[in-house]
Amino acid sequence: MEALPYLQKVTLKREHVFSFDTYPFSIPAVNQLFEIDFSKHVTIFVGENGSGKSTLLEAIAIGLGFNAEGGSKNFNFQTQHSHSELHKYLLLSKSFKRYKDGFFLR
């Protein structure tokens, strides 16, 4: 039996977005987002500079409990508030199995 990934799906709660004309909802990766399915072993984000790949990955990491500036879950500091509020608008669907360790490489 193949193991399920911990993070299975990310959905943008579009009904809660006040305006898609404001940051971060105006950037292409977020503006065109409905759902990301993580059922495969590898997911690759592709796009031009400024398309929102890093903003989206950062929001997913924050939603999973990681520090916005990178590191493990036990690495909790903030030198400068630089992340968006996008994580508040994402619904993260997770497996019943918890992961043992993780790291957000910024």
C-alpha atoms as a PDB file:
ATOM      1  CA  MET A   1       0.000   0.000   0.000  1.00  0.00           C
ATOM      2  CA  GLU A   2       1.339   3.432  -0.950  1.00  0.00           C
ATOM      3  CA  ALA A   3       1.627   6.053   1.795  1.00  0.00           C
ATOM      4  CA  LEU A   4      -0.602   9.098   1.596  1.00  0.00           C
ATOM      5  CA  PRO A   5       1.061  12.495   1.606  1.00  0.00           C
ATOM      6  CA  TYR A   6       0.431  14.546   4.760  1.00  0.00           C
ATOM      7  CA  LEU A   7      -0.751  17.602   2.832  1.00  0.00           C
ATOM      8  CA  GLN A   8      -3.322  16.366   0.350  1.00  0.00           C
ATOM      9  CA  LYS A   9      -4.998  19.488  -0.983  1.00  0.00           C
ATOM     10  CA  VAL A  10      -4.886  23.291  -0.762  1.00  0.00           C
ATOM     11  CA  THR A  11      -8.018  25.267  -1.600  1.00  0.00           C
ATOM     12  CA  LEU A  12      -8.343  29.043  -1.825  1.00  0.00           C
ATOM     13  CA  LYS A  13     -11.400  30.229   0.104  1.00  0.00           C
ATOM     14  CA  ARG A  14     -12.415  32.525  -2.773  1.00  0.00           C
ATOM     15  CA  GLU A  15     -15.723  33.445  -1.129  1.00  0.00           C
ATOM     16  CA  HIS A  16     -13.773  35.163   1.691  1.00  0.00           C
ATOM     17  CA  VAL A  17     -11.588  37.282  -0.618  1.00  0.00           C
ATOM     18  CA  PHE A  18     -12.755  40.894  -0.538  1.00  0.00           C
ATOM     19  CA  SER A  19     -11.081  41.891  -3.823  1.00  0.00           C
ATOM     20  CA  PHE A  20      -8.889  40.112  -6.353  1.00  0.00           C
ATOM     21  CA  ASP A  21      -7.472  43.524  -7.281  1.00  0.00           C
ATOM     22  CA  THR A  22      -5.397  43.782  -4.073  1.00  0.00           C
ATOM     23  CA  TYR A  23      -2.191  42.019  -3.027  1.00  0.00           C
ATOM     24  CA  PRO A  24      -1.720  39.068  -2.646  1.00  0.00           C
ATOM     25  CA  PHE A  25      -4.903  38.111  -4.498  1.00  0.00           C
ATOM     26  CA  SER A  26      -3.952  40.104  -7.587  1.00  0.00           C
ATOM     27  CA  ILE A  27      -0.841  38.041  -8.341  1.00  0.00           C
ATOM     28  CA  PRO A  28      -1.357  35.311 -10.991  1.00  0.00           C
ATOM     29  CA  ALA A  29      -0.586  32.248  -8.819  1.00  0.00           C
ATOM     30  CA  VAL A  30      -3.253  33.314  -6.327  1.00  0.00           C
ATOM     31  CA  ASN A  31      -5.732  35.012  -8.648  1.00  0.00           C
ATOM     32  CA  GLN A  32      -6.072  31.845 -10.740  1.00  0.00           C
ATOM     33  CA  LEU A  33      -5.972  29.439  -7.801  1.00  0.00           C
ATOM     34  CA  PHE A  34      -8.924  27.258  -6.958  1.00  0.00           C
ATOM     35  CA  GLU A  35      -7.350  24.026  -5.701  1.00  0.00           C
ATOM     36  CA  ILE A  36      -3.972  22.280  -5.689  1.00  0.00           C
ATOM     37  CA  ASP A  37      -3.971  18.491  -5.431  1.00  0.00           C
ATOM     38  CA  PHE A  38      -0.888  16.962  -3.801  1.00  0.00           C
ATOM     39  CA  SER A  39      -1.677  13.319  -4.575  1.00  0.00           C
ATOM     40  CA  LYS A  40       1.572  12.819  -6.543  1.00  0.00           C
ATOM     41  CA  HIS A  41       5.024  12.322  -5.013  1.00  0.00           C
ATOM     42  CA  VAL A  42       6.339  15.610  -6.432  1.00  0.00           C
ATOM     43  CA  THR A  43       4.612  18.913  -7.181  1.00  0.00           C
ATOM     44  CA  ILE A  44       6.429  21.537  -9.251  1.00  0.00           C
ATOM     45  CA  PHE A  45       5.455  25.218  -9.252  1.00  0.00           C
ATOM     46  CA  VAL A  46       6.407  26.927 -12.510  1.00  0.00           C
ATOM     47  CA  GLY A  47       6.033  30.575 -13.489  1.00  0.00           C
ATOM     48  CA  GLU A  48       7.711  33.847 -14.294  1.00  0.00           C
ATOM     49  CA  ASN A  49       9.383  36.053 -11.693  1.00  0.00           C
ATOM     50  CA  GLY A  50       6.695  37.843  -9.710  1.00  0.00           C
ATOM     51  CA  SER A  51       3.982  35.327 -10.573  1.00  0.00           C
ATOM     52  CA  GLY A  52       3.464  34.394  -6.900  1.00  0.00           C
ATOM     53  CA  LYS A  53       5.119  30.987  -6.520  1.00  0.00           C
ATOM     54  CA  SER A  54       7.053  31.961  -3.388  1.00  0.00           C
ATOM     55  CA  THR A  55       4.112  33.842  -1.886  1.00  0.00           C
ATOM     56  CA  LEU A  56       1.919  30.770  -2.288  1.00  0.00           C
ATOM     57  CA  LEU A  57       4.541  28.364  -0.883  1.00  0.00           C
ATOM     58  CA  GLU A  58       5.151  30.687   2.070  1.00  0.00           C
ATOM     59  CA  ALA A  59       1.409  30.816   2.846  1.00  0.00           C
ATOM     60  CA  ILE A  60       1.190  27.014   2.724  1.00  0.00           C
ATOM     61  CA  ALA A  61       4.196  26.719   5.056  1.00  0.00           C
ATOM     62  CA  ILE A  62       2.673  29.197   7.541  1.00  0.00           C
ATOM     63  CA  GLY A  63      -0.629  27.311   7.362  1.00  0.00           C
ATOM     64  CA  LEU A  64       1.255  24.136   8.314  1.00  0.00           C
ATOM     65  CA  GLY A  65       2.801  25.857  11.328  1.00  0.00           C
ATOM     66  CA  PHE A  66       6.231  26.778   9.975  1.00  0.00           C
ATOM     67  CA  ASN A  67       7.927  30.126  10.481  1.00  0.00           C
ATOM     68  CA  ALA A  68       7.527  32.533   7.522  1.00  0.00           C
ATOM     69  CA  GLU A  69      11.261  33.173   7.547  1.00  0.00           C
ATOM     70  CA  GLY A  70      12.116  29.492   7.195  1.00  0.00           C
ATOM     71  CA  GLY A  71      13.298  26.700   9.430  1.00  0.00           C
ATOM     72  CA  SER A  72      11.739  23.854  11.351  1.00  0.00           C
ATOM     73  CA  LYS A  73       8.554  24.052  13.407  1.00  0.00           C
ATOM     74  CA  ASN A  74      10.693  24.615  16.504  1.00  0.00           C
ATOM     75  CA  PHE A  75      12.459  27.562  14.858  1.00  0.00           C
ATOM     76  CA  ASN A  76      10.141  30.426  15.765  1.00  0.00           C
ATOM     77  CA  PHE A  77      11.443  33.963  15.337  1.00  0.00           C
ATOM     78  CA  GLN A  78      10.633  37.077  13.353  1.00  0.00           C
ATOM     79  CA  THR A  79      13.121  39.698  12.233  1.00  0.00           C
ATOM     80  CA  GLN A  80      10.689  41.558  10.002  1.00  0.00           C
ATOM     81  CA  HIS A  81       6.999  41.106   9.175  1.00  0.00           C
ATOM     82  CA  SER A  82       7.305  40.423   5.466  1.00  0.00           C
ATOM     83  CA  HIS A  83       4.671  37.802   4.711  1.00  0.00           C
ATOM     84  CA  SER A  84       1.152  38.299   3.394  1.00  0.00           C
ATOM     85  CA  GLU A  85      -2.081  37.260   5.072  1.00  0.00           C
ATOM     86  CA  LEU A  86      -2.754  34.702   2.332  1.00  0.00           C
ATOM     87  CA  HIS A  87      -2.444  31.752   4.750  1.00  0.00           C
ATOM     88  CA  LYS A  88      -5.700  32.887   6.393  1.00  0.00           C
ATOM     89  CA  TYR A  89      -7.522  32.303   3.098  1.00  0.00           C
ATOM     90  CA  LEU A  90      -6.209  28.802   2.422  1.00  0.00           C
ATOM     91  CA  LEU A  91      -7.946  25.591   3.429  1.00  0.00           C
ATOM     92  CA  LEU A  92      -5.344  22.861   3.949  1.00  0.00           C
ATOM     93  CA  SER A  93      -6.671  19.302   3.701  1.00  0.00           C
ATOM     94  CA  LYS A  94      -4.345  16.926   5.563  1.00  0.00           C
ATOM     95  CA  SER A  95      -4.000  13.198   6.066  1.00  0.00           C
ATOM     96  CA  PHE A  96      -4.864  11.577   9.381  1.00  0.00           C
ATOM     97  CA  LYS A  97      -1.170  10.648   9.737  1.00  0.00           C
ATOM     98  CA  ARG A  98       1.047  13.381  11.179  1.00  0.00           C
ATOM     99  CA  TYR A  99       4.509  14.027   9.873  1.00  0.00           C
ATOM    100  CA  LYS A 100       7.388  13.597  12.297  1.00  0.00           C
ATOM    101  CA  ASP A 101       9.649  16.394  11.097  1.00  0.00           C
ATOM    102  CA  GLY A 102       9.700  19.139   8.537  1.00  0.00           C
ATOM    103  CA  PHE A 103      11.614  22.146   7.314  1.00  0.00           C
ATOM    104  CA  PHE A 104      10.582  25.217   5.307  1.00  0.00           C
ATOM    105  CA  LEU A 105      13.558  26.236   3.180  1.00  0.00           C
ATOM    106  CA  ARG A 106      13.045  29.828   2.217  1.00  0.00           C
END
